[in-house]
Amino acid sequence: MSTTTTTDALDRTVAGQPFPAAGVYTIDGSHSSVEAVARHLVVTKVRGHFNEFEGTITVGETPEDSAVQVTIKADSIETKDGKRDEHLRSPDFLDVENFPELTFRSTSVDKGWVVTGDLTIRGVTREVTLDTDYMGTFKNPWGQTVAAFSAKTTLDREDFDMTWNAPLEAGGVLVSKELKIELEIQAPLQEG
């Protein structure tokens, strides 16, 4: 984990690291992104963007007193290919009819902004760790205090009962088991 120090005076220092002011920050879906990246045909990356998600980052007086929670609408997945998107929404992958949401609830946040928590996909919950970069706090043009974060993790989709695949004639499989999850988050501080 690393931090990017902002030149704005909105940060405080905790354990020698820049840290946002204590409070509840609401994720701004229009200025944030949640993506899953898989290998296709062994060599190319395909990105899936979730278009609907919400959540909060509760910043405590210390990192250990902080928490993150996110809810993602499973049927909002988009990869720029309608047929692939429908397949991803099917029971072979996200099974959006039976499991309309993906959720993440943190169980711990350490001094280096490593966020550990429970990720639930298709009704299966597994512990994951997000390597998080705190990018700083700034004022937007409307005077709101906004904190920015970048986070990533890697998971095995088969751990969440997404086991569909197709073998390739030359060896390997059509879709990688490994998924890289990437988040870019802007979150305004709730006032009052």
N, C-alpha and C. Protein backbone atom coordinates (compact mmCIF):
# COMPACT_ATOMS: atom_id res chain seq x y z
N MET A 1 0.84 -1.18 0.00
CA MET A 1 0.00 0.00 0.00
C MET A 1 0.88 1.23 0.00
N SER A 2 0.48 2.23 -0.72
CA SER A 2 1.18 3.50 -0.70
C SER A 2 0.15 4.62 -0.65
N THR A 3 0.62 5.78 -0.29
CA THR A 3 -0.28 6.92 -0.28
C THR A 3 0.30 8.01 -1.17
N THR A 4 -0.57 8.81 -1.72
CA THR A 4 -0.16 9.97 -2.48
C THR A 4 -0.54 11.17 -1.64
N THR A 5 0.44 11.91 -1.21
CA THR A 5 0.17 13.04 -0.33
C THR A 5 -0.44 14.17 -1.13
N THR A 6 -1.53 14.67 -0.63
CA THR A 6 -2.18 15.81 -1.27
C THR A 6 -1.58 17.10 -0.75
N THR A 7 -1.62 18.13 -1.55
CA THR A 7 -1.12 19.43 -1.09
C THR A 7 -2.19 20.18 -0.31
N ASP A 8 -3.40 19.64 -0.31
CA ASP A 8 -4.50 20.27 0.40
C ASP A 8 -4.32 20.04 1.91
N ALA A 9 -4.76 20.98 2.71
CA ALA A 9 -4.60 20.88 4.16
C ALA A 9 -5.75 20.11 4.80
N LEU A 10 -6.47 19.27 4.05
CA LEU A 10 -7.61 18.55 4.58
C LEU A 10 -7.23 17.24 5.27
N ASP A 11 -6.01 16.77 5.06
CA ASP A 11 -5.57 15.52 5.67
C ASP A 11 -5.04 15.76 7.07
N ARG A 12 -5.04 14.69 7.84
CA ARG A 12 -4.35 14.67 9.13
C ARG A 12 -3.34 13.54 9.02
N THR A 13 -2.49 13.40 9.99
CA THR A 13 -1.49 12.33 9.98
C THR A 13 -1.81 11.35 11.10
N VAL A 14 -1.87 10.08 10.76
CA VAL A 14 -2.10 9.00 11.72
C VAL A 14 -1.02 7.96 11.49
N ALA A 15 -0.27 7.63 12.53
CA ALA A 15 0.82 6.66 12.43
C ALA A 15 1.78 7.03 11.31
N GLY A 16 2.00 8.34 11.14
CA GLY A 16 2.96 8.82 10.15
C GLY A 16 2.44 8.83 8.71
N GLN A 17 1.17 8.51 8.50
CA GLN A 17 0.59 8.45 7.16
C GLN A 17 -0.51 9.50 7.01
N PRO A 18 -0.64 10.10 5.81
CA PRO A 18 -1.78 10.99 5.57
C PRO A 18 -3.08 10.20 5.72
N PHE A 19 -4.09 10.83 6.29
CA PHE A 19 -5.33 10.15 6.62
C PHE A 19 -6.46 11.16 6.55
N PRO A 20 -7.62 10.79 5.98
CA PRO A 20 -8.71 11.76 5.90
C PRO A 20 -9.33 12.04 7.27
N ALA A 21 -10.06 13.14 7.34
CA ALA A 21 -10.77 13.48 8.57
C ALA A 21 -11.76 12.39 8.91
N ALA A 22 -11.97 12.18 10.19
CA ALA A 22 -12.94 11.17 10.63
C ALA A 22 -14.33 11.56 10.14
N GLY A 23 -15.12 10.56 9.78
CA GLY A 23 -16.48 10.79 9.32
C GLY A 23 -16.90 9.72 8.34
N VAL A 24 -18.11 9.87 7.81
CA VAL A 24 -18.66 8.90 6.85
C VAL A 24 -18.58 9.51 5.46
N TYR A 25 -17.93 8.79 4.55
CA TYR A 25 -17.78 9.21 3.16
C TYR A 25 -18.66 8.30 2.31
N THR A 26 -19.48 8.89 1.45
CA THR A 26 -20.38 8.12 0.59
C THR A 26 -19.77 7.99 -0.80
N ILE A 27 -19.67 6.78 -1.30
CA ILE A 27 -19.06 6.56 -2.61
C ILE A 27 -19.89 7.25 -3.69
N ASP A 28 -19.22 8.02 -4.52
CA ASP A 28 -19.83 8.74 -5.63
C ASP A 28 -19.75 7.86 -6.88
N GLY A 29 -20.86 7.19 -7.22
CA GLY A 29 -20.88 6.26 -8.34
C GLY A 29 -20.57 6.87 -9.68
N SER A 30 -20.85 8.16 -9.85
CA SER A 30 -20.59 8.79 -11.15
C SER A 30 -19.13 9.18 -11.33
N HIS A 31 -18.34 9.16 -10.25
CA HIS A 31 -16.92 9.47 -10.35
C HIS A 31 -16.05 8.34 -9.79
N SER A 32 -16.61 7.15 -9.76
CA SER A 32 -15.89 5.98 -9.26
C SER A 32 -16.07 4.83 -10.24
N SER A 33 -15.23 3.81 -10.12
CA SER A 33 -15.38 2.64 -10.99
C SER A 33 -15.07 1.36 -10.22
N VAL A 34 -15.81 0.31 -10.58
CA VAL A 34 -15.59 -1.03 -10.04
C VAL A 34 -15.45 -1.95 -11.25
N GLU A 35 -14.30 -2.60 -11.41
CA GLU A 35 -14.03 -3.42 -12.58
C GLU A 35 -13.50 -4.79 -12.19
N ALA A 36 -13.84 -5.78 -13.01
CA ALA A 36 -13.26 -7.12 -12.92
C ALA A 36 -12.54 -7.39 -14.23
N VAL A 37 -11.32 -7.90 -14.15
CA VAL A 37 -10.51 -8.15 -15.34
C VAL A 37 -10.17 -9.63 -15.39
N ALA A 38 -10.50 -10.26 -16.53
CA ALA A 38 -10.18 -11.68 -16.73
C ALA A 38 -9.40 -11.84 -18.03
N ARG A 39 -8.65 -12.92 -18.13
CA ARG A 39 -7.96 -13.26 -19.37
C ARG A 39 -8.92 -14.05 -20.25
N HIS A 40 -8.94 -13.73 -21.54
CA HIS A 40 -9.77 -14.43 -22.53
C HIS A 40 -8.84 -15.04 -23.56
N LEU A 41 -9.09 -16.29 -23.92
CA LEU A 41 -8.22 -17.02 -24.85
C LEU A 41 -6.78 -17.04 -24.37
N VAL A 42 -6.60 -17.05 -23.06
CA VAL A 42 -5.32 -17.14 -22.36
C VAL A 42 -4.51 -15.84 -22.42
N VAL A 43 -4.65 -15.03 -23.45
CA VAL A 43 -3.70 -13.93 -23.65
C VAL A 43 -4.27 -12.53 -23.49
N THR A 44 -5.53 -12.29 -23.83
CA THR A 44 -6.04 -10.91 -23.79
C THR A 44 -6.85 -10.66 -22.52
N LYS A 45 -6.88 -9.41 -22.10
CA LYS A 45 -7.66 -9.01 -20.94
C LYS A 45 -9.01 -8.48 -21.39
N VAL A 46 -10.05 -8.91 -20.71
CA VAL A 46 -11.39 -8.37 -20.91
C VAL A 46 -11.83 -7.73 -19.60
N ARG A 47 -12.30 -6.48 -19.70
CA ARG A 47 -12.72 -5.74 -18.51
C ARG A 47 -14.23 -5.72 -18.43
N GLY A 48 -14.74 -6.04 -17.26
CA GLY A 48 -16.15 -5.90 -16.97
C GLY A 48 -16.34 -4.75 -16.00
N HIS A 49 -17.19 -3.80 -16.37
CA HIS A 49 -17.47 -2.64 -15.53
C HIS A 49 -18.84 -2.84 -14.89
N PHE A 50 -18.92 -2.63 -13.59
CA PHE A 50 -20.22 -2.60 -12.91
C PHE A 50 -20.68 -1.15 -12.90
N ASN A 51 -21.85 -0.90 -13.45
CA ASN A 51 -22.35 0.46 -13.59
C ASN A 51 -23.17 0.94 -12.40
N GLU A 52 -23.63 0.03 -11.53
CA GLU A 52 -24.45 0.43 -10.38
C GLU A 52 -23.88 -0.15 -9.10
N PHE A 53 -23.47 0.74 -8.21
CA PHE A 53 -22.94 0.33 -6.91
C PHE A 53 -23.06 1.50 -5.96
N GLU A 54 -23.04 1.18 -4.68
CA GLU A 54 -23.10 2.21 -3.65
C GLU A 54 -22.36 1.70 -2.42
N GLY A 55 -22.00 2.62 -1.57
CA GLY A 55 -21.33 2.20 -0.35
C GLY A 55 -20.82 3.37 0.45
N THR A 56 -20.24 3.04 1.59
CA THR A 56 -19.69 4.05 2.48
C THR A 56 -18.32 3.62 2.98
N ILE A 57 -17.53 4.63 3.26
CA ILE A 57 -16.24 4.44 3.92
C ILE A 57 -16.33 5.24 5.21
N THR A 58 -16.33 4.55 6.33
CA THR A 58 -16.39 5.21 7.63
C THR A 58 -14.97 5.32 8.15
N VAL A 59 -14.48 6.53 8.23
CA VAL A 59 -13.11 6.78 8.69
C VAL A 59 -13.17 7.09 10.18
N GLY A 60 -12.50 6.26 10.96
CA GLY A 60 -12.46 6.45 12.40
C GLY A 60 -11.30 7.34 12.82
N GLU A 61 -11.15 7.49 14.12
CA GLU A 61 -10.02 8.26 14.64
C GLU A 61 -8.70 7.57 14.33
N THR A 62 -8.74 6.24 14.20
CA THR A 62 -7.57 5.46 13.80
C THR A 62 -7.98 4.55 12.64
N PRO A 63 -7.02 4.04 11.86
CA PRO A 63 -7.38 3.12 10.80
C PRO A 63 -8.19 1.92 11.31
N GLU A 64 -7.79 1.40 12.47
CA GLU A 64 -8.46 0.22 13.01
C GLU A 64 -9.93 0.47 13.36
N ASP A 65 -10.29 1.73 13.55
CA ASP A 65 -11.68 2.09 13.84
C ASP A 65 -12.48 2.40 12.58
N SER A 66 -11.88 2.15 11.41
CA SER A 66 -12.52 2.48 10.13
C SER A 66 -13.20 1.26 9.54
N ALA A 67 -14.11 1.49 8.58
CA ALA A 67 -14.86 0.38 7.97
C ALA A 67 -15.28 0.77 6.55
N VAL A 68 -15.49 -0.26 5.74
CA VAL A 68 -15.93 -0.07 4.35
C VAL A 68 -17.07 -1.04 4.08
N GLN A 69 -18.10 -0.57 3.38
CA GLN A 69 -19.17 -1.46 2.93
C GLN A 69 -19.59 -1.02 1.54
N VAL A 70 -19.77 -2.01 0.64
CA VAL A 70 -20.13 -1.73 -0.75
C VAL A 70 -21.17 -2.76 -1.21
N THR A 71 -22.17 -2.29 -1.95
CA THR A 71 -23.15 -3.16 -2.58
C THR A 71 -23.12 -2.88 -4.08
N ILE A 72 -23.02 -3.94 -4.88
CA ILE A 72 -22.92 -3.83 -6.34
C ILE A 72 -24.09 -4.57 -6.96
N LYS A 73 -24.78 -3.93 -7.90
CA LYS A 73 -25.87 -4.58 -8.64
C LYS A 73 -25.25 -5.52 -9.67
N ALA A 74 -25.50 -6.82 -9.52
CA ALA A 74 -24.88 -7.82 -10.38
C ALA A 74 -25.25 -7.65 -11.85
N ASP A 75 -26.50 -7.26 -12.13
CA ASP A 75 -26.93 -7.15 -13.53
C ASP A 75 -26.41 -5.90 -14.22
N SER A 76 -25.63 -5.08 -13.51
CA SER A 76 -25.09 -3.87 -14.12
C SER A 76 -23.74 -4.12 -14.81
N ILE A 77 -23.30 -5.40 -14.87
CA ILE A 77 -22.03 -5.73 -15.52
C ILE A 77 -22.10 -5.41 -17.01
N GLU A 78 -21.03 -4.84 -17.53
CA GLU A 78 -20.97 -4.48 -18.94
C GLU A 78 -19.55 -4.65 -19.46
N THR A 79 -19.41 -5.32 -20.61
CA THR A 79 -18.09 -5.58 -21.18
C THR A 79 -17.96 -5.07 -22.62
N LYS A 80 -18.94 -4.33 -23.11
CA LYS A 80 -18.98 -3.82 -24.49
C LYS A 80 -19.35 -4.91 -25.49
N ASP A 81 -19.89 -6.03 -25.00
CA ASP A 81 -20.35 -7.11 -25.88
C ASP A 81 -21.64 -7.66 -25.26
N GLY A 82 -22.78 -7.36 -25.88
CA GLY A 82 -24.07 -7.72 -25.32
C GLY A 82 -24.25 -9.20 -25.05
N LYS A 83 -23.78 -10.06 -25.97
CA LYS A 83 -23.92 -11.51 -25.77
C LYS A 83 -23.07 -11.98 -24.59
N ARG A 84 -21.86 -11.44 -24.48
CA ARG A 84 -21.01 -11.81 -23.34
C ARG A 84 -21.64 -11.31 -22.04
N ASP A 85 -22.19 -10.09 -22.06
CA ASP A 85 -22.81 -9.54 -20.86
C ASP A 85 -23.96 -10.43 -20.39
N GLU A 86 -24.80 -10.89 -21.33
CA GLU A 86 -25.91 -11.78 -20.96
C GLU A 86 -25.38 -13.09 -20.39
N HIS A 87 -24.29 -13.61 -20.96
CA HIS A 87 -23.70 -14.85 -20.42
C HIS A 87 -23.18 -14.62 -19.00
N LEU A 88 -22.55 -13.47 -18.78
CA LEU A 88 -22.05 -13.17 -17.43
C LEU A 88 -23.18 -13.03 -16.41
N ARG A 89 -24.36 -12.61 -16.87
CA ARG A 89 -25.52 -12.48 -15.97
C ARG A 89 -26.23 -13.81 -15.74
N SER A 90 -25.91 -14.81 -16.53
CA SER A 90 -26.59 -16.11 -16.48
C SER A 90 -26.11 -16.94 -15.29
N PRO A 91 -26.76 -18.11 -15.05
CA PRO A 91 -26.32 -18.99 -13.96
C PRO A 91 -24.89 -19.53 -14.13
N ASP A 92 -24.31 -19.44 -15.33
CA ASP A 92 -22.92 -19.87 -15.51
C ASP A 92 -21.95 -18.99 -14.74
N PHE A 93 -22.33 -17.73 -14.52
CA PHE A 93 -21.44 -16.79 -13.85
C PHE A 93 -22.15 -16.12 -12.66
N LEU A 94 -22.67 -14.92 -12.83
CA LEU A 94 -23.21 -14.16 -11.69
C LEU A 94 -24.60 -14.60 -11.25
N ASP A 95 -25.37 -15.25 -12.12
CA ASP A 95 -26.72 -15.73 -11.78
C ASP A 95 -27.54 -14.61 -11.13
N VAL A 96 -27.72 -13.52 -11.88
CA VAL A 96 -28.31 -12.31 -11.31
C VAL A 96 -29.76 -12.48 -10.86
N GLU A 97 -30.49 -13.43 -11.46
CA GLU A 97 -31.88 -13.63 -11.02
C GLU A 97 -31.94 -14.12 -9.59
N ASN A 98 -31.04 -15.02 -9.23
CA ASN A 98 -31.03 -15.57 -7.87
C ASN A 98 -30.16 -14.78 -6.90
N PHE A 99 -29.17 -14.07 -7.44
CA PHE A 99 -28.22 -13.33 -6.59
C PHE A 99 -28.03 -11.93 -7.17
N PRO A 100 -28.97 -11.03 -6.92
CA PRO A 100 -28.95 -9.72 -7.57
C PRO A 100 -27.85 -8.77 -7.11
N GLU A 101 -27.19 -9.08 -5.98
CA GLU A 101 -26.18 -8.16 -5.47
C GLU A 101 -24.90 -8.89 -5.10
N LEU A 102 -23.79 -8.18 -5.25
CA LEU A 102 -22.50 -8.56 -4.70
C LEU A 102 -22.26 -7.61 -3.54
N THR A 103 -21.72 -8.10 -2.44
CA THR A 103 -21.48 -7.22 -1.30
C THR A 103 -20.07 -7.39 -0.76
N PHE A 104 -19.56 -6.33 -0.19
CA PHE A 104 -18.29 -6.37 0.53
C PHE A 104 -18.49 -5.64 1.85
N ARG A 105 -18.06 -6.27 2.94
CA ARG A 105 -18.10 -5.67 4.28
C ARG A 105 -16.73 -5.89 4.91
N SER A 106 -16.07 -4.80 5.26
CA SER A 106 -14.74 -4.94 5.86
C SER A 106 -14.83 -5.55 7.25
N THR A 107 -13.79 -6.28 7.59
CA THR A 107 -13.65 -6.82 8.95
C THR A 107 -12.46 -6.18 9.66
N SER A 108 -11.54 -5.58 8.89
CA SER A 108 -10.43 -4.86 9.50
C SER A 108 -9.80 -3.91 8.48
N VAL A 109 -9.24 -2.84 9.02
CA VAL A 109 -8.47 -1.88 8.23
C VAL A 109 -7.18 -1.65 9.01
N ASP A 110 -6.02 -1.80 8.37
CA ASP A 110 -4.79 -1.60 9.13
C ASP A 110 -4.19 -0.23 8.82
N LYS A 111 -3.09 0.09 9.48
CA LYS A 111 -2.48 1.41 9.37
C LYS A 111 -2.06 1.73 7.95
N GLY A 112 -1.79 0.72 7.13
CA GLY A 112 -1.36 0.94 5.76
C GLY A 112 -2.49 0.91 4.77
N TRP A 113 -3.74 1.05 5.24
CA TRP A 113 -4.93 1.00 4.39
C TRP A 113 -5.07 -0.33 3.67
N VAL A 114 -4.62 -1.42 4.28
CA VAL A 114 -4.95 -2.75 3.77
C VAL A 114 -6.30 -3.10 4.39
N VAL A 115 -7.30 -3.30 3.52
CA VAL A 115 -8.67 -3.52 3.96
C VAL A 115 -9.02 -4.99 3.75
N THR A 116 -9.33 -5.69 4.82
CA THR A 116 -9.73 -7.09 4.76
C THR A 116 -11.22 -7.17 5.04
N GLY A 117 -11.91 -8.04 4.31
CA GLY A 117 -13.34 -8.14 4.54
C GLY A 117 -13.97 -9.32 3.85
N ASP A 118 -15.28 -9.42 3.98
CA ASP A 118 -16.06 -10.53 3.42
C ASP A 118 -16.71 -10.08 2.12
N LEU A 119 -16.35 -10.77 1.03
CA LEU A 119 -16.93 -10.53 -0.28
C LEU A 119 -17.94 -11.65 -0.55
N THR A 120 -19.17 -11.27 -0.90
CA THR A 120 -20.20 -12.26 -1.20
C THR A 120 -20.61 -12.12 -2.66
N ILE A 121 -20.46 -13.22 -3.40
CA ILE A 121 -20.88 -13.32 -4.80
C ILE A 121 -21.64 -14.63 -4.94
N ARG A 122 -22.83 -14.59 -5.55
CA ARG A 122 -23.65 -15.78 -5.74
C ARG A 122 -23.98 -16.48 -4.42
N GLY A 123 -24.09 -15.71 -3.35
CA GLY A 123 -24.41 -16.29 -2.05
C GLY A 123 -23.23 -16.96 -1.36
N VAL A 124 -22.04 -16.90 -1.96
CA VAL A 124 -20.83 -17.48 -1.38
C VAL A 124 -19.97 -16.35 -0.82
N THR A 125 -19.58 -16.48 0.43
CA THR A 125 -18.78 -15.45 1.08
C THR A 125 -17.36 -15.95 1.31
N ARG A 126 -16.40 -15.14 0.89
CA ARG A 126 -14.98 -15.46 1.09
C ARG A 126 -14.28 -14.20 1.60
N GLU A 127 -13.24 -14.41 2.38
CA GLU A 127 -12.44 -13.29 2.85
C GLU A 127 -11.51 -12.84 1.72
N VAL A 128 -11.44 -11.54 1.50
CA VAL A 128 -10.51 -10.97 0.52
C VAL A 128 -9.79 -9.80 1.17
N THR A 129 -8.64 -9.47 0.62
CA THR A 129 -7.85 -8.34 1.09
C THR A 129 -7.67 -7.36 -0.05
N LEU A 130 -8.03 -6.11 0.18
CA LEU A 130 -7.86 -5.05 -0.81
C LEU A 130 -6.60 -4.27 -0.47
N ASP A 131 -5.65 -4.24 -1.40
CA ASP A 131 -4.48 -3.37 -1.26
C ASP A 131 -4.92 -2.00 -1.72
N THR A 132 -4.94 -1.06 -0.80
CA THR A 132 -5.56 0.24 -1.04
C THR A 132 -4.53 1.35 -1.00
N ASP A 133 -4.65 2.27 -1.95
CA ASP A 133 -3.86 3.50 -1.94
C ASP A 133 -4.81 4.64 -1.59
N TYR A 134 -4.48 5.38 -0.56
CA TYR A 134 -5.23 6.59 -0.24
C TYR A 134 -4.61 7.71 -1.07
N MET A 135 -5.41 8.32 -1.93
CA MET A 135 -4.91 9.29 -2.89
C MET A 135 -4.99 10.74 -2.39
N GLY A 136 -5.62 10.94 -1.24
CA GLY A 136 -5.70 12.28 -0.68
C GLY A 136 -7.13 12.78 -0.57
N THR A 137 -7.26 13.92 0.03
CA THR A 137 -8.56 14.56 0.22
C THR A 137 -8.49 15.94 -0.41
N PHE A 138 -9.59 16.35 -1.04
CA PHE A 138 -9.62 17.64 -1.71
C PHE A 138 -11.02 18.22 -1.63
N LYS A 139 -11.14 19.49 -1.98
CA LYS A 139 -12.45 20.13 -2.07
C LYS A 139 -12.85 20.13 -3.54
N ASN A 140 -14.08 19.68 -3.84
CA ASN A 140 -14.55 19.75 -5.22
C ASN A 140 -15.07 21.17 -5.50
N PRO A 141 -15.44 21.48 -6.75
CA PRO A 141 -15.88 22.85 -7.06
C PRO A 141 -17.12 23.31 -6.31
N TRP A 142 -17.86 22.39 -5.68
CA TRP A 142 -19.06 22.74 -4.93
C TRP A 142 -18.81 22.83 -3.43
N GLY A 143 -17.52 22.77 -3.06
CA GLY A 143 -17.14 22.94 -1.67
C GLY A 143 -17.21 21.69 -0.81
N GLN A 144 -17.51 20.53 -1.43
CA GLN A 144 -17.56 19.29 -0.65
C GLN A 144 -16.15 18.74 -0.43
N THR A 145 -15.92 18.18 0.74
CA THR A 145 -14.68 17.47 1.02
C THR A 145 -14.81 16.07 0.43
N VAL A 146 -13.84 15.69 -0.40
CA VAL A 146 -13.89 14.40 -1.10
C VAL A 146 -12.59 13.64 -0.85
N ALA A 147 -12.69 12.38 -0.45
CA ALA A 147 -11.53 11.51 -0.30
C ALA A 147 -11.45 10.59 -1.51
N ALA A 148 -10.24 10.27 -1.94
CA ALA A 148 -10.05 9.41 -3.11
C ALA A 148 -9.19 8.21 -2.74
N PHE A 149 -9.58 7.05 -3.28
CA PHE A 149 -8.88 5.80 -3.00
C PHE A 149 -8.76 4.99 -4.29
N SER A 150 -7.73 4.18 -4.36
CA SER A 150 -7.57 3.20 -5.44
C SER A 150 -7.30 1.87 -4.74
N ALA A 151 -7.97 0.80 -5.18
CA ALA A 151 -7.80 -0.49 -4.50
C ALA A 151 -7.81 -1.62 -5.51
N LYS A 152 -7.17 -2.72 -5.14
CA LYS A 152 -7.15 -3.88 -6.03
C LYS A 152 -6.99 -5.16 -5.22
N THR A 153 -7.48 -6.24 -5.80
CA THR A 153 -7.28 -7.57 -5.24
C THR A 153 -7.38 -8.57 -6.37
N THR A 154 -6.98 -9.80 -6.11
CA THR A 154 -7.09 -10.89 -7.07
C THR A 154 -7.85 -12.01 -6.40
N LEU A 155 -8.78 -12.62 -7.14
CA LEU A 155 -9.52 -13.74 -6.57
C LEU A 155 -9.71 -14.83 -7.63
N ASP A 156 -10.03 -16.02 -7.16
CA ASP A 156 -10.33 -17.16 -8.01
C ASP A 156 -11.85 -17.24 -8.13
N ARG A 157 -12.37 -17.04 -9.33
CA ARG A 157 -13.83 -17.01 -9.51
C ARG A 157 -14.47 -18.34 -9.15
N GLU A 158 -13.72 -19.43 -9.25
CA GLU A 158 -14.28 -20.74 -8.90
C GLU A 158 -14.56 -20.84 -7.41
N ASP A 159 -13.89 -20.02 -6.59
CA ASP A 159 -14.19 -19.98 -5.15
C ASP A 159 -15.60 -19.47 -4.89
N PHE A 160 -16.20 -18.82 -5.90
CA PHE A 160 -17.55 -18.27 -5.78
C PHE A 160 -18.54 -19.02 -6.67
N ASP A 161 -18.24 -20.28 -6.94
CA ASP A 161 -19.11 -21.17 -7.74
C ASP A 161 -19.33 -20.68 -9.17
N MET A 162 -18.36 -19.95 -9.72
CA MET A 162 -18.41 -19.57 -11.14
C MET A 162 -17.39 -20.44 -11.87
N THR A 163 -17.81 -21.66 -12.21
CA THR A 163 -16.87 -22.66 -12.72
C THR A 163 -16.98 -22.90 -14.22
N TRP A 164 -17.92 -22.24 -14.91
CA TRP A 164 -18.08 -22.48 -16.35
C TRP A 164 -16.79 -22.14 -17.08
N ASN A 165 -16.47 -22.97 -18.10
CA ASN A 165 -15.33 -22.70 -18.96
C ASN A 165 -15.43 -23.56 -20.20
N ALA A 166 -14.55 -23.31 -21.15
CA ALA A 166 -14.48 -24.11 -22.38
C ALA A 166 -13.02 -24.35 -22.70
N PRO A 167 -12.63 -25.61 -22.95
CA PRO A 167 -11.23 -25.90 -23.28
C PRO A 167 -10.88 -25.38 -24.67
N LEU A 168 -9.62 -24.99 -24.84
CA LEU A 168 -9.12 -24.54 -26.13
C LEU A 168 -8.36 -25.67 -26.81
N GLU A 169 -8.47 -25.73 -28.10
CA GLU A 169 -7.82 -26.80 -28.87
C GLU A 169 -6.31 -26.83 -28.63
N ALA A 170 -5.70 -25.67 -28.51
CA ALA A 170 -4.25 -25.58 -28.33
C ALA A 170 -3.83 -25.69 -26.87
N GLY A 171 -4.79 -25.91 -25.98
CA GLY A 171 -4.50 -26.00 -24.55
C GLY A 171 -4.99 -24.76 -23.83
N GLY A 172 -5.22 -24.89 -22.57
CA GLY A 172 -5.75 -23.79 -21.79
C GLY A 172 -7.27 -23.75 -21.86
N VAL A 173 -7.83 -22.69 -21.31
CA VAL A 173 -9.28 -22.54 -21.28
C VAL A 173 -9.66 -21.15 -21.79
N LEU A 174 -10.93 -20.99 -22.13
CA LEU A 174 -11.43 -19.76 -22.72
C LEU A 174 -11.33 -18.57 -21.76
N VAL A 175 -11.72 -18.78 -20.48
CA VAL A 175 -11.76 -17.70 -19.50
C VAL A 175 -10.90 -18.07 -18.30
N SER A 176 -10.03 -17.16 -17.88
CA SER A 176 -9.16 -17.44 -16.74
C SER A 176 -9.97 -17.63 -15.46
N LYS A 177 -9.45 -18.46 -14.57
CA LYS A 177 -10.05 -18.60 -13.24
C LYS A 177 -9.76 -17.35 -12.41
N GLU A 178 -8.61 -16.75 -12.66
CA GLU A 178 -8.19 -15.58 -11.88
C GLU A 178 -8.89 -14.32 -12.36
N LEU A 179 -9.44 -13.58 -11.42
CA LEU A 179 -10.03 -12.27 -11.70
C LEU A 179 -9.26 -11.21 -10.92
N LYS A 180 -8.94 -10.14 -11.59
CA LYS A 180 -8.36 -8.99 -10.91
C LYS A 180 -9.49 -7.98 -10.70
N ILE A 181 -9.65 -7.53 -9.49
CA ILE A 181 -10.67 -6.55 -9.14
C ILE A 181 -9.97 -5.22 -8.93
N GLU A 182 -10.46 -4.18 -9.60
CA GLU A 182 -9.84 -2.86 -9.51
C GLU A 182 -10.91 -1.82 -9.19
N LEU A 183 -10.64 -0.97 -8.22
CA LEU A 183 -11.58 0.07 -7.80
C LEU A 183 -10.89 1.42 -7.81
N GLU A 184 -11.59 2.41 -8.33
CA GLU A 184 -11.16 3.81 -8.25
C GLU A 184 -12.34 4.54 -7.60
N ILE A 185 -12.10 5.11 -6.44
CA ILE A 185 -13.21 5.62 -5.63
C ILE A 185 -13.01 7.09 -5.28
N GLN A 186 -14.07 7.87 -5.51
CA GLN A 186 -14.19 9.20 -4.94
C GLN A 186 -15.38 9.15 -3.98
N ALA A 187 -15.19 9.72 -2.80
CA ALA A 187 -16.24 9.64 -1.78
C ALA A 187 -16.33 10.95 -1.02
N PRO A 188 -17.42 11.70 -1.24
CA PRO A 188 -17.62 12.94 -0.48
C PRO A 188 -17.94 12.66 0.99
N LEU A 189 -17.46 13.51 1.85
CA LEU A 189 -17.76 13.44 3.28
C LEU A 189 -19.20 13.88 3.50
N GLN A 190 -19.96 13.06 4.23
CA GLN A 190 -21.33 13.45 4.57
C GLN A 190 -21.27 14.60 5.56
N GLU A 191 -21.97 15.65 5.23
CA GLU A 191 -21.98 16.83 6.09
C GLU A 191 -23.01 16.68 7.21
N GLY A 192 -22.69 17.20 8.36
CA GLY A 192 -23.64 17.19 9.48
C GLY A 192 -23.60 15.94 10.18
